[in-house]
């Protein structure tokens, strides 16, 4: 956390002063289901250090998304009784909740720190296109992101490196001492498919909401 704060404010000093912040950066919208996003018609403007830290706090502690993710995977592990040594009772479920929550916090922290150090875009930007290309955009944006110029694309390696690190660390408190590298790679695979699903939901959810509101009217 201390390193993240230091990195964030160091980056902020490099930003050009005297320019008004765009509304989307001031608001930093974070949806309870699919996380941080940039609206379709909003300009891509790099976050400064203070905004990055604020976004990290919102995504990791103060919005429901991370807790929903924790609950989903805890229930999934409870149904499968994984790890088996924790049992399938309430005590085992509590351990799974705690383990998943700690892993998610570690992963978010690593991701935010890494992206902050290199100045890459941590949010999903909704496609300015129409039709099926939006689905392609949602898929690709899980694997590439913008650099600090918000124009050049870079491999989106930070979430995957963070997933590996968080998975490897979580292996240290799992019973039966699971292989650290295997646990790390499993987390990377999970990040791949979960990231695509979340981006897809974030891309098309506004359309779903509009259709639902029209039916209500």
Protein backbone atom coordinates (compact mmCIF):
# COMPACT_ATOMS: atom_id res chain seq x y z
CA UNK A 1 0.00 0.00 0.00
CA UNK A 2 2.80 2.41 0.91
CA UNK A 3 4.59 1.68 -2.37
CA UNK A 4 1.34 2.19 -4.30
CA UNK A 5 0.76 5.58 -2.65
CA UNK A 6 4.33 6.67 -3.33
CA UNK A 7 4.16 5.57 -6.97
CA UNK A 8 0.78 7.20 -7.48
CA UNK A 9 1.77 10.59 -6.16
CA UNK A 10 5.12 10.46 -7.94
CA UNK A 11 3.27 9.94 -11.20
CA UNK A 12 0.87 12.77 -10.38
CA UNK A 13 3.77 15.24 -10.29
CA UNK A 14 4.54 14.42 -13.92
CA UNK A 15 1.06 15.40 -15.09
CA UNK A 16 0.60 18.79 -16.74
CA UNK A 17 -0.88 21.27 -14.28
CA UNK A 18 -3.50 23.89 -14.98
CA UNK A 19 -5.70 21.66 -17.14
CA UNK A 20 -9.24 20.92 -15.93
CA UNK A 21 -10.00 17.31 -15.17
CA UNK A 22 -12.54 15.65 -17.46
CA UNK A 23 -15.81 14.70 -15.83
CA UNK A 24 -15.28 10.97 -16.22
CA UNK A 25 -11.94 11.17 -14.39
CA UNK A 26 -13.46 13.26 -11.64
CA UNK A 27 -16.33 10.84 -11.11
CA UNK A 28 -14.31 7.63 -11.71
CA UNK A 29 -17.40 5.48 -12.34
CA UNK A 30 -17.17 1.97 -10.90
CA UNK A 31 -20.08 -0.36 -11.55
CA UNK A 32 -21.02 -2.84 -8.81
CA UNK A 33 -20.89 -5.72 -11.32
CA UNK A 34 -18.26 -5.00 -13.97
CA UNK A 35 -15.95 -2.51 -12.31
CA UNK A 36 -14.30 0.68 -13.59
CA UNK A 37 -15.23 1.87 -17.05
CA UNK A 38 -15.04 4.80 -19.46
CA UNK A 39 -18.39 5.70 -21.11
CA UNK A 40 -18.71 5.27 -24.86
CA UNK A 41 -18.58 8.96 -25.76
CA UNK A 42 -16.09 10.06 -23.09
CA UNK A 43 -12.54 10.99 -24.12
CA UNK A 44 -9.63 8.79 -23.12
CA UNK A 45 -7.61 10.86 -20.66
CA UNK A 46 -4.87 9.34 -18.50
CA UNK A 47 -5.44 9.21 -14.76
CA UNK A 48 -3.12 11.08 -12.48
CA UNK A 49 -1.69 9.55 -9.32
CA UNK A 50 -4.41 10.75 -6.98
CA UNK A 51 -7.12 9.43 -9.30
CA UNK A 52 -5.40 6.06 -9.59
CA UNK A 53 -5.23 5.69 -5.84
CA UNK A 54 -8.86 6.74 -5.44
CA UNK A 55 -9.86 4.18 -8.08
CA UNK A 56 -7.85 1.49 -6.32
CA UNK A 57 -9.62 2.17 -3.02
CA UNK A 58 -13.04 2.11 -4.68
CA UNK A 59 -12.41 -1.10 -6.62
CA UNK A 60 -10.76 -2.93 -3.73
CA UNK A 61 -12.63 -1.84 -0.62
CA UNK A 62 -15.62 0.49 -1.01
CA UNK A 63 -17.70 -0.85 -3.93
CA UNK A 64 -19.50 -4.21 -3.96
CA UNK A 65 -17.74 -5.72 -6.98
CA UNK A 66 -14.85 -7.37 -5.16
CA UNK A 67 -17.18 -8.78 -2.51
CA UNK A 68 -19.49 -10.19 -5.17
CA UNK A 69 -16.49 -11.83 -6.83
CA UNK A 70 -15.38 -13.22 -3.46
CA UNK A 71 -18.84 -14.61 -2.75
CA UNK A 72 -19.16 -16.21 -6.18
CA UNK A 73 -15.87 -18.08 -6.00
CA UNK A 74 -16.38 -18.98 -2.32
CA UNK A 75 -19.72 -20.61 -3.15
CA UNK A 76 -18.12 -22.32 -6.17
CA UNK A 77 -15.35 -23.74 -3.97
CA UNK A 78 -17.87 -24.71 -1.27
CA UNK A 79 -19.97 -26.69 -3.74
CA UNK A 80 -16.85 -28.46 -5.00
CA UNK A 81 -15.53 -28.78 -1.41
CA UNK A 82 -12.18 -27.31 -2.44
CA UNK A 83 -9.83 -27.49 -0.56
CA UNK A 84 -11.29 -30.70 0.86
CA UNK A 85 -9.44 -30.36 4.18
CA UNK A 86 -11.51 -27.27 5.05
CA UNK A 87 -14.69 -29.33 5.04
CA UNK A 88 -18.12 -28.48 3.68
CA UNK A 89 -19.57 -26.84 6.81
CA UNK A 90 -19.83 -23.22 7.86
CA UNK A 91 -16.25 -23.15 9.12
CA UNK A 92 -14.99 -24.31 5.74
CA UNK A 93 -17.12 -21.72 3.94
CA UNK A 94 -15.76 -18.97 6.19
CA UNK A 95 -12.20 -20.03 5.36
CA UNK A 96 -12.99 -19.99 1.64
CA UNK A 97 -14.51 -16.53 1.90
CA UNK A 98 -11.46 -15.24 3.76
CA UNK A 99 -9.03 -16.89 1.35
CA UNK A 100 -10.79 -15.58 -1.76
CA UNK A 101 -11.13 -12.09 -0.33
CA UNK A 102 -7.45 -11.93 0.61
CA UNK A 103 -6.46 -13.23 -2.83
CA UNK A 104 -8.65 -10.65 -4.58
CA UNK A 105 -7.20 -7.79 -2.51
CA UNK A 106 -3.65 -8.94 -3.27
CA UNK A 107 -4.44 -9.23 -6.98
CA UNK A 108 -6.07 -5.78 -7.13
CA UNK A 109 -3.13 -4.28 -5.26
CA UNK A 110 -0.55 -5.83 -7.58
CA UNK A 111 -2.54 -4.81 -10.66
CA UNK A 112 -2.97 -1.20 -9.53
CA UNK A 113 0.66 -0.91 -8.51
CA UNK A 114 1.95 -2.34 -11.79
CA UNK A 115 -0.29 -0.22 -13.98
CA UNK A 116 0.50 2.85 -11.93
CA UNK A 117 4.25 2.33 -12.31
CA UNK A 118 4.06 2.12 -16.12
CA UNK A 119 1.14 4.57 -16.48
CA UNK A 120 -1.20 2.18 -18.30
CA UNK A 121 -4.99 2.49 -18.43
CA UNK A 122 -6.72 0.39 -15.72
CA UNK A 123 -10.32 0.98 -16.88
CA UNK A 124 -12.40 -0.65 -19.58
CA UNK A 125 -13.34 1.79 -22.35
CA UNK A 126 -16.62 1.03 -24.06
CA UNK A 127 -16.30 0.66 -27.81
CA UNK A 128 -17.13 3.67 -29.95
CA UNK A 129 -18.35 1.22 -32.59
CA UNK A 130 -21.70 -0.46 -33.20
CA UNK A 131 -22.84 -4.03 -33.72
CA UNK A 132 -20.76 -7.17 -33.30
CA UNK A 133 -17.38 -5.37 -33.34
CA UNK A 134 -18.25 -4.43 -29.77
CA UNK A 135 -17.96 -8.08 -28.76
CA UNK A 136 -14.54 -8.27 -30.39
CA UNK A 137 -13.55 -5.07 -28.58
CA UNK A 138 -14.62 -6.53 -25.22
CA UNK A 139 -12.55 -9.66 -25.85
CA UNK A 140 -9.42 -7.90 -27.07
CA UNK A 141 -9.43 -5.27 -24.32
CA UNK A 142 -8.89 -8.00 -21.77
CA UNK A 143 -5.49 -8.63 -23.31
CA UNK A 144 -4.38 -5.17 -24.43
CA UNK A 145 -4.60 -1.70 -22.91
CA UNK A 146 -3.48 1.86 -23.55
CA UNK A 147 -0.24 3.37 -22.34
CA UNK A 148 -0.03 6.77 -20.64
CA UNK A 149 -0.62 8.52 -24.00
CA UNK A 150 -4.04 6.82 -24.25
CA UNK A 151 -3.26 6.27 -27.94
CA UNK A 152 -0.70 3.45 -28.16
CA UNK A 153 -1.71 -0.09 -27.22
CA UNK A 154 0.32 -2.37 -24.97
CA UNK A 155 -0.06 -5.99 -23.82
CA UNK A 156 -2.26 -5.93 -20.74
CA UNK A 157 0.15 -8.04 -18.71
CA UNK A 158 -0.39 -6.45 -15.28
CA UNK A 159 -3.70 -8.17 -14.36
CA UNK A 160 -2.27 -11.54 -15.43
CA UNK A 161 1.03 -11.06 -13.59
CA UNK A 162 -0.97 -9.95 -10.55
CA UNK A 163 -3.24 -13.01 -10.85
CA UNK A 164 -0.21 -15.29 -10.92
CA UNK A 165 1.34 -13.57 -7.91
CA UNK A 166 -1.88 -13.61 -5.90
CA UNK A 167 -2.50 -17.25 -6.74
CA UNK A 168 1.02 -18.23 -5.77
CA UNK A 169 0.73 -16.39 -2.46
CA UNK A 170 -2.64 -17.96 -1.68
CA UNK A 171 -1.06 -21.39 -2.14
CA UNK A 172 1.02 -20.76 0.99
CA UNK A 173 -2.04 -20.86 3.26
CA UNK A 174 -3.96 -23.57 1.43
CA UNK A 175 -3.83 -27.05 3.08
CA UNK A 176 -1.74 -29.83 1.59
CA UNK A 177 0.78 -27.28 0.25
CA UNK A 178 -0.44 -27.02 -3.38
CA UNK A 179 2.23 -26.28 -5.97
CA UNK A 180 2.79 -22.53 -6.12
CA UNK A 181 3.31 -22.40 -9.88
CA UNK A 182 0.21 -24.52 -10.58
CA UNK A 183 -1.91 -22.29 -8.34
CA UNK A 184 -0.49 -19.24 -10.10
CA UNK A 185 -1.26 -20.54 -13.58
CA UNK A 186 -4.78 -21.50 -12.51
CA UNK A 187 -5.34 -17.91 -11.40
CA UNK A 188 -4.05 -16.62 -14.74
CA UNK A 189 -6.52 -18.83 -16.61
CA UNK A 190 -9.33 -17.62 -14.36
CA UNK A 191 -8.34 -14.01 -15.03
CA UNK A 192 -8.51 -14.67 -18.78
CA UNK A 193 -12.10 -15.91 -18.92
CA UNK A 194 -13.46 -13.78 -16.08
CA UNK A 195 -11.95 -10.64 -17.63
CA UNK A 196 -13.61 -11.33 -20.99
CA UNK A 197 -16.99 -11.94 -19.35
CA UNK A 198 -16.76 -8.78 -17.24
CA UNK A 199 -15.79 -6.66 -20.26
CA UNK A 200 -18.67 -8.10 -22.27
CA UNK A 201 -21.14 -7.33 -19.51
CA UNK A 202 -19.73 -3.81 -19.20
CA UNK A 203 -20.04 -3.29 -22.94
CA UNK A 204 -23.64 -4.39 -23.38
CA UNK A 205 -25.24 -3.72 -20.00
CA UNK A 206 -26.24 -0.12 -20.87
CA UNK A 207 -28.22 -1.47 -23.86
CA UNK A 208 -29.94 -4.04 -21.66
CA UNK A 209 -30.89 -1.35 -19.16
CA UNK A 210 -32.35 0.83 -21.92
CA UNK A 211 -34.46 -2.00 -23.29
CA UNK A 212 -35.72 -2.88 -19.82
CA UNK A 213 -36.63 0.73 -19.08
CA UNK A 214 -38.56 0.97 -22.39
CA UNK A 215 -40.56 -2.15 -21.51
CA UNK A 216 -41.44 -0.62 -18.15
CA UNK A 217 -42.66 2.56 -19.87
